[in-house]
Structures are given as structure tokens and as C-alpha cells.
Amino acid sequence: MVRIGLIGCGRWGRLILRDLKVLGCWVAVTERSPGSLAHAQSALADFIVPTIDELPEMDAYIVAVPTALHGDVVLRLAPRGAPIYCEKPLTHDVSSAREIVAAAADRVFVMDKWRYHAGVHALRDLAHSGELGPVLGIKTVRLQWGCPHDDVDPTWILLPHDLTIALEICGFLPEPVHAIAESDADGLFGLSAYLSGSVWLHCEVGTRSPQNKRIIELRCRDGVAVLADAYDQHISVLRSDLGSRRRDAPMWEKRPFAASMPLLTEISAFVAYVADTGPAPKSSALEGLQVVETISQIRTLAGVADSL
């Protein structure tokens, strides 16, 4: 039985605990909040302690505390020598992300659930097949009303998803070249960024939209493929040929894919890795650092100061 230490059992940590128990893991939870503590107890956590120092030595650890605490918690766990799976982003500042890479690059991984989304895999496989010609770019839209996180602004919560989607489809991140931030009296609530390279990436994220949108468009020379919602079970493909844009658009071709829950899939991958029955999770600490550096560059381009 794989023994996992779960640090944090709040809004997201309780879902992780649920899936760890589904997978048959023995789970020790570190939590202080009365509400989250009660949930850990009701979800049948095997062992509960208030602090990391009281956590026994485990086979691996999962970090699900607020983003602003990621760096400190991961660095406190690193000397234990076990694998660590940290909820995205790795940290919210470049310096602590670099510290983590220096301390434990081979043992720290980032929970980027969209890299485990079957719809993203369908877009990736289509891109690699060349069926629609070379990939020109990727456009993502991630909009909602409000943000349940109050320790960091929405760019640190939303942008990591879209950057790692690009990593999964293309295998690399383009370079940020332009960004615009939107803010009001309460602070930053939206950002649009353009990244350029052999494949371009355009991201729009925000928390002041009356509609919840999760859209990924794969733009290719000979057509477009779209995942129009996180819960869709198909991608839509629209082909173009010479002169086709002068006529009515053809019907979208719907291509179904097998539905799965990305969170359970990524946790299953980590547990298999810890049990030595599967490969390492998709997002390494080095890729996590690259995402943090890219977000920091985007924020600088948008006039949002960050410490490097």
C-alpha cells in the first residue's frame, strides 16, 4: 500500500484525498483549519496531524496548500528525500521556484491536470499527425466570475493551465512578446498575452465574465480543431481548403474521445510512479520553473511588477 502525506485538505485538497482513498492509498493529512480538519476526518483520512513536523515519513507527499505557501512547504519537505507532487503553480515567484529546482529537481513534480485531459490529448494527437497541416498557433480562453483564491491574483491560478496545455500539445513554450492586464479597485482581474515562436500562443484569462468559458483552439494551416468546454467529450474539426472561406463554412466534424477525470488520472499516475509501476508524472520541477518564469515575464510585459 502506497503511503501518501497530504499537506492541506481545503477546497482542492479534499478532492485529492477522495481520489487517493479511491486508489487505495494510506493517507496522512496535515491540516489546521477546523472545517478542513472535519472534512479530513469524515473522508476517513488514516492519520491527521496539525503540522508538517508531526507528519511521519511517507512514500511521497502531495502539496495542496494555498499558492503563496507552495515554496515554503515544498522546501520543508525536500530534505525528506521522497517524491513531492505540488498543486500548480510550483510557486508564485521565480526565486523560490529556482530554489526548489536546485534542491530537488529530480523529485518534485507539478499537478497540471489539463495535461491529463483527454480532449487536450486529442488535440495533441491531431497536431502531431499533421492531418490539418502544420500547427500555426493555439488560442485559449479561460474566463469565469470571481476567484476563490485570495492569496494570489487570478493570473497565477488560471494561466498555468493554458501554458501547460501548450507544453502538452507542442512540447515547448513560446516566448512572451505582448500582454495587457485588466484591473479595478480590487486589483488585477484579467490578462491577455501573446507568445511567439514556431507555434504562437494567445491566452485570455479573467474573473469578471458572466459566463464560465474554457476554450482551446488549435489553429493549423488546413483547418481548426476546438475543445469548446472542459466537460465536452469530443473535439470539433473544421477543414479549410483553397477558396473555402469565400463560401459557407462546412459542418464541424465531431470526434469523440473517452471521457476521464483529469484529477484522478494525474493522481493515479503519481501513485503508480511512487509504487515504481509507472513513469514520472508529466510536469517536472524544471517545467514548473519554466511556467513560473513565463508568467513572471508576461506580468512584466503587462506592467504588473514581480520580483525575480
Protein backbone atom coordinates (compact mmCIF):
# COMPACT_ATOMS: atom_id res chain seq x y z
CA MET A 1 0.00 0.00 0.00
CA VAL A 2 1.39 3.41 -1.02
CA ARG A 3 1.64 5.86 1.89
CA ILE A 4 0.95 9.48 0.91
CA GLY A 5 1.29 12.59 3.06
CA LEU A 6 -1.29 15.19 2.01
CA ILE A 7 -0.48 18.73 3.12
CA GLY A 8 -3.71 20.70 3.01
CA CYS A 9 -7.29 19.44 2.90
CA GLY A 10 -9.15 22.55 1.78
CA ARG A 11 -11.27 23.14 -1.32
CA TRP A 12 -8.94 21.21 -3.63
CA GLY A 13 -7.15 19.02 -1.10
CA ARG A 14 -10.37 17.27 -0.14
CA LEU A 15 -10.82 16.16 -3.78
CA ILE A 16 -7.27 14.84 -3.78
CA LEU A 17 -7.97 12.96 -0.55
CA ARG A 18 -11.10 11.46 -2.10
CA ASP A 19 -9.15 10.16 -5.10
CA LEU A 20 -6.24 8.88 -3.01
CA LYS A 21 -8.67 6.79 -0.98
CA VAL A 22 -10.32 5.53 -4.20
CA LEU A 23 -6.85 4.38 -5.28
CA GLY A 24 -6.36 2.50 -2.01
CA CYS A 25 -3.62 4.70 -0.55
CA TRP A 26 -2.88 5.12 3.16
CA VAL A 27 -3.16 8.88 3.67
CA ALA A 28 -1.79 11.08 6.43
CA VAL A 29 -3.21 14.62 6.34
CA THR A 30 -1.66 17.81 7.68
CA GLU A 31 -4.38 20.38 8.38
CA ARG A 32 -5.26 23.03 10.98
CA SER A 33 -8.44 24.67 9.69
CA PRO A 34 -11.43 23.36 11.70
CA GLY A 35 -13.62 22.96 8.62
CA SER A 36 -10.97 21.19 6.57
CA LEU A 37 -9.97 19.10 9.58
CA ALA A 38 -13.56 17.93 9.98
CA HIS A 39 -13.69 17.01 6.30
CA ALA A 40 -10.46 15.01 6.55
CA GLN A 41 -11.98 13.10 9.45
CA SER A 42 -15.25 12.46 7.63
CA ALA A 43 -13.38 11.37 4.49
CA LEU A 44 -11.58 8.74 6.58
CA ALA A 45 -8.04 10.05 6.41
CA ASP A 46 -5.86 7.42 8.08
CA PHE A 47 -3.83 9.85 10.18
CA ILE A 48 -4.22 13.57 10.89
CA VAL A 49 -1.67 15.98 12.37
CA PRO A 50 -1.66 19.79 12.62
CA THR A 51 1.88 20.47 11.33
CA ILE A 52 4.35 19.15 8.79
CA ASP A 53 6.89 18.46 11.55
CA GLU A 54 4.48 15.94 13.08
CA LEU A 55 3.92 14.18 9.77
CA PRO A 56 5.56 10.73 9.71
CA GLU A 57 7.97 9.70 6.97
CA MET A 58 5.90 8.75 3.92
CA ASP A 59 6.47 7.20 0.49
CA ALA A 60 5.56 10.53 -1.12
CA TYR A 61 3.85 13.85 -0.45
CA ILE A 62 1.18 15.94 -2.16
CA VAL A 63 1.08 19.69 -1.52
CA ALA A 64 -2.39 21.28 -1.72
CA VAL A 65 -1.96 24.41 0.38
CA PRO A 66 -2.63 27.96 -0.96
CA THR A 67 -0.30 29.03 -3.77
CA ALA A 68 1.54 31.57 -1.61
CA LEU A 69 2.70 28.71 0.66
CA HIS A 70 3.88 26.30 -2.04
CA GLY A 71 7.53 27.33 -2.00
CA ASP A 72 7.92 27.12 1.78
CA VAL A 73 6.12 23.78 2.10
CA VAL A 74 7.94 22.07 -0.78
CA LEU A 75 11.33 23.24 0.51
CA ARG A 76 10.48 21.97 4.01
CA LEU A 77 9.57 18.57 2.58
CA ALA A 78 12.53 18.30 0.19
CA PRO A 79 15.06 17.05 2.81
CA ARG A 80 12.87 14.00 3.43
CA GLY A 81 14.05 12.63 0.07
CA ALA A 82 10.64 11.37 -1.13
CA PRO A 83 8.77 12.39 -4.30
CA ILE A 84 6.63 15.54 -3.98
CA TYR A 85 3.58 16.40 -6.11
CA CYS A 86 2.73 20.10 -5.82
CA GLU A 87 -0.55 21.61 -6.95
CA LYS A 88 0.02 24.17 -9.75
CA PRO A 89 1.75 26.54 -10.00
CA LEU A 90 5.01 25.34 -8.50
CA THR A 91 5.28 28.72 -6.74
CA HIS A 92 4.20 32.30 -7.38
CA ASP A 93 7.72 33.73 -7.59
CA VAL A 94 10.77 32.84 -9.63
CA SER A 95 13.30 32.82 -6.79
CA SER A 96 11.57 30.12 -4.72
CA ALA A 97 10.90 28.05 -7.86
CA ARG A 98 14.62 28.15 -8.60
CA GLU A 99 15.37 27.10 -5.02
CA ILE A 100 13.13 24.07 -5.42
CA VAL A 101 14.82 23.06 -8.67
CA ALA A 102 18.24 23.42 -7.04
CA ALA A 103 17.17 21.38 -4.00
CA ALA A 104 15.10 18.58 -5.53
CA ALA A 105 14.59 18.86 -9.29
CA ASP A 106 14.53 15.07 -9.66
CA ARG A 107 11.81 14.51 -7.04
CA VAL A 108 9.37 17.40 -7.42
CA PHE A 109 6.50 17.39 -9.91
CA VAL A 110 3.63 19.77 -10.59
CA MET A 111 -0.06 18.84 -10.71
CA ASP A 112 -1.09 20.22 -14.10
CA LYS A 113 -4.39 18.44 -14.60
CA TRP A 114 -5.02 19.75 -18.13
CA ARG A 115 -2.02 17.73 -19.29
CA TYR A 116 -4.15 14.70 -18.35
CA HIS A 117 -7.34 15.89 -20.07
CA ALA A 118 -8.43 13.51 -22.84
CA GLY A 119 -9.58 16.45 -25.00
CA VAL A 120 -6.12 18.03 -24.82
CA HIS A 121 -4.64 14.66 -25.78
CA ALA A 122 -6.99 14.53 -28.78
CA LEU A 123 -5.77 17.97 -29.91
CA ARG A 124 -2.16 16.95 -29.29
CA ASP A 125 -2.51 13.77 -31.33
CA LEU A 126 -4.21 15.66 -34.16
CA ALA A 127 -1.42 18.25 -34.16
CA HIS A 128 1.28 15.57 -34.26
CA SER A 129 -0.47 13.64 -37.03
CA GLY A 130 -0.15 16.55 -39.49
CA GLU A 131 -3.69 15.85 -40.73
CA LEU A 132 -4.51 19.59 -40.79
CA GLY A 133 -1.06 20.63 -41.90
CA PRO A 134 1.49 22.33 -39.68
CA VAL A 135 0.30 23.92 -36.45
CA LEU A 136 0.29 27.71 -36.64
CA GLY A 137 -0.89 28.57 -33.15
CA ILE A 138 -3.04 27.84 -30.12
CA LYS A 139 -5.68 30.15 -28.71
CA THR A 140 -7.09 29.62 -25.22
CA VAL A 141 -9.88 31.36 -23.32
CA ARG A 142 -10.32 30.82 -19.57
CA LEU A 143 -12.96 33.14 -18.14
CA GLN A 144 -15.21 32.99 -15.09
CA TRP A 145 -16.87 35.13 -12.47
CA GLY A 146 -14.80 35.61 -9.33
CA CYS A 147 -11.84 33.75 -7.92
CA PRO A 148 -11.95 31.60 -4.77
CA HIS A 149 -8.26 32.27 -4.06
CA ASP A 150 -7.31 35.36 -2.08
CA ASP A 151 -3.57 34.75 -1.58
CA VAL A 152 -2.56 35.48 -5.20
CA ASP A 153 -4.23 37.20 -8.15
CA PRO A 154 -6.02 35.19 -10.87
CA THR A 155 -3.08 35.08 -13.30
CA TRP A 156 -1.26 32.64 -11.01
CA ILE A 157 -4.35 30.44 -10.79
CA LEU A 158 -5.54 30.47 -14.42
CA LEU A 159 -2.51 30.99 -16.68
CA PRO A 160 -0.61 27.83 -15.61
CA HIS A 161 -3.37 25.73 -17.16
CA ASP A 162 -3.02 27.31 -20.60
CA LEU A 163 0.76 27.34 -20.60
CA THR A 164 0.90 23.65 -19.74
CA ILE A 165 -1.71 22.89 -22.41
CA ALA A 166 0.76 24.41 -24.89
CA LEU A 167 3.53 22.29 -23.37
CA GLU A 168 1.43 19.15 -23.79
CA ILE A 169 0.48 19.90 -27.41
CA CYS A 170 3.73 21.45 -28.69
CA GLY A 171 6.38 20.22 -26.27
CA PHE A 172 7.66 23.75 -25.62
CA LEU A 173 6.56 27.23 -24.57
CA PRO A 174 6.79 30.17 -26.99
CA GLU A 175 8.37 33.43 -25.79
CA PRO A 176 6.10 36.15 -24.34
CA VAL A 177 6.09 39.26 -26.52
CA HIS A 178 2.99 41.24 -25.52
CA ALA A 179 0.50 41.33 -22.66
CA ILE A 180 -2.32 43.55 -21.38
CA ALA A 181 -3.65 43.47 -17.82
CA GLU A 182 -7.12 44.49 -16.65
CA SER A 183 -7.67 45.73 -13.12
CA ASP A 184 -10.05 47.71 -10.95
CA ALA A 185 -10.10 48.98 -7.36
CA ASP A 186 -9.90 45.38 -6.10
CA GLY A 187 -6.82 44.59 -8.17
CA LEU A 188 -5.96 42.60 -11.28
CA PHE A 189 -8.83 40.53 -12.68
CA GLY A 190 -7.81 39.73 -16.25
CA LEU A 191 -4.91 39.38 -18.63
CA SER A 192 -4.33 38.71 -22.31
CA ALA A 193 -0.95 37.52 -23.55
CA TYR A 194 0.64 36.75 -26.88
CA LEU A 195 3.63 34.40 -27.07
CA SER A 196 5.59 33.94 -30.28
CA GLY A 197 7.65 31.12 -31.74
CA SER A 198 7.40 28.39 -34.35
CA VAL A 199 3.92 28.00 -32.85
CA TRP A 200 2.27 31.08 -31.36
CA LEU A 201 0.10 31.08 -28.25
CA HIS A 202 -2.64 33.56 -27.35
CA CYS A 203 -4.13 33.31 -23.85
CA GLU A 204 -7.02 35.22 -22.32
CA VAL A 205 -7.80 34.72 -18.64
CA GLY A 206 -10.13 36.63 -16.36
CA THR A 207 -12.51 36.57 -13.42
CA ARG A 208 -15.06 39.18 -14.48
CA SER A 209 -17.06 37.27 -17.05
CA PRO A 210 -20.72 36.32 -16.54
CA GLN A 211 -20.03 33.10 -18.46
CA ASN A 212 -17.67 30.32 -17.50
CA LYS A 213 -15.55 29.60 -20.58
CA ARG A 214 -12.84 27.02 -21.17
CA ILE A 215 -11.94 27.01 -24.87
CA ILE A 216 -8.87 25.64 -26.66
CA GLU A 217 -8.45 26.26 -30.39
CA LEU A 218 -5.75 24.51 -32.37
CA ARG A 219 -5.08 26.66 -35.44
CA CYS A 220 -3.45 24.77 -38.32
CA ARG A 221 -2.72 25.62 -41.94
CA ASP A 222 -5.53 23.45 -43.27
CA GLY A 223 -8.14 23.77 -40.54
CA VAL A 224 -9.09 24.35 -36.93
CA ALA A 225 -9.75 21.94 -34.07
CA VAL A 226 -11.56 23.05 -30.93
CA LEU A 227 -12.23 21.78 -27.42
CA ALA A 228 -15.13 24.07 -26.55
CA ASP A 229 -15.64 23.13 -22.90
CA ALA A 230 -13.82 21.29 -20.14
CA TYR A 231 -16.65 18.75 -19.93
CA ASP A 232 -17.10 18.13 -23.64
CA GLN A 233 -16.45 14.57 -24.77
CA HIS A 234 -15.45 15.49 -28.31
CA ILE A 235 -13.28 17.91 -30.23
CA SER A 236 -14.69 19.71 -33.27
CA VAL A 237 -12.69 19.81 -36.50
CA LEU A 238 -13.29 22.26 -39.35
CA ARG A 239 -11.24 21.84 -42.50
CA SER A 240 -10.37 24.63 -44.89
CA ASP A 241 -9.07 24.49 -48.43
CA LEU A 242 -8.36 26.94 -51.23
CA GLY A 243 -11.28 29.35 -51.52
CA SER A 244 -13.34 27.72 -48.75
CA ARG A 245 -13.54 30.95 -46.77
CA ARG A 246 -15.48 32.54 -49.63
CA ARG A 247 -18.29 30.02 -49.13
CA ASP A 248 -20.44 29.00 -46.17
CA ALA A 249 -18.46 27.17 -43.53
CA PRO A 250 -18.74 23.38 -43.73
CA MET A 251 -20.19 21.37 -40.86
CA TRP A 252 -17.96 20.79 -37.87
CA GLU A 253 -16.78 17.21 -37.63
CA LYS A 254 -17.18 15.94 -34.06
CA ARG A 255 -14.53 13.50 -32.91
CA PRO A 256 -15.37 11.81 -29.60
CA PHE A 257 -12.81 10.75 -27.05
CA ALA A 258 -13.06 8.54 -24.00
CA ALA A 259 -14.02 10.70 -21.03
CA SER A 260 -11.94 10.56 -17.86
CA MET A 261 -11.48 12.71 -14.77
CA PRO A 262 -8.15 14.55 -15.16
CA LEU A 263 -7.54 14.90 -11.40
CA LEU A 264 -7.97 11.17 -10.76
CA THR A 265 -5.85 10.40 -13.82
CA GLU A 266 -2.94 12.58 -12.69
CA ILE A 267 -3.07 11.27 -9.12
CA SER A 268 -3.16 7.70 -10.45
CA ALA A 269 -0.03 8.49 -12.49
CA PHE A 270 1.76 9.83 -9.41
CA VAL A 271 0.78 6.87 -7.24
CA ALA A 272 1.97 4.45 -9.95
CA TYR A 273 5.29 6.33 -10.15
CA VAL A 274 5.72 6.15 -6.37
CA ALA A 275 4.92 2.43 -6.47
CA ASP A 276 7.51 2.02 -9.24
CA THR A 277 4.89 0.75 -11.68
CA GLY A 278 4.73 3.78 -13.98
CA PRO A 279 6.73 6.66 -15.44
CA ALA A 280 7.26 10.03 -13.77
CA PRO A 281 4.35 12.49 -13.85
CA LYS A 282 4.19 14.82 -16.85
CA SER A 283 5.27 18.17 -15.33
CA SER A 284 8.75 18.17 -13.85
CA ALA A 285 10.10 20.79 -11.46
CA LEU A 286 12.07 22.25 -14.38
CA GLU A 287 8.89 22.65 -16.42
CA GLY A 288 7.21 24.10 -13.35
CA LEU A 289 10.01 26.66 -13.11
CA GLN A 290 9.62 27.46 -16.82
CA VAL A 291 5.90 28.15 -16.28
CA VAL A 292 6.64 30.41 -13.30
CA GLU A 293 9.29 32.30 -15.27
CA THR A 294 6.95 32.69 -18.25
CA ILE A 295 4.10 34.03 -16.10
CA SER A 296 6.50 36.47 -14.46
CA GLN A 297 7.65 37.68 -17.91
CA ILE A 298 4.04 38.06 -19.04
CA ARG A 299 3.18 40.06 -15.94
CA THR A 300 6.18 42.32 -16.51
CA LEU A 301 5.09 42.93 -20.12
CA ALA A 302 1.63 43.82 -18.80
CA GLY A 303 3.08 46.28 -16.28
CA VAL A 304 2.47 44.04 -13.26
CA ALA A 305 5.62 44.05 -11.15
CA ASP A 306 7.04 40.77 -9.84
CA SER A 307 10.24 40.03 -8.02
CA LEU A 308 12.69 37.86 -9.92
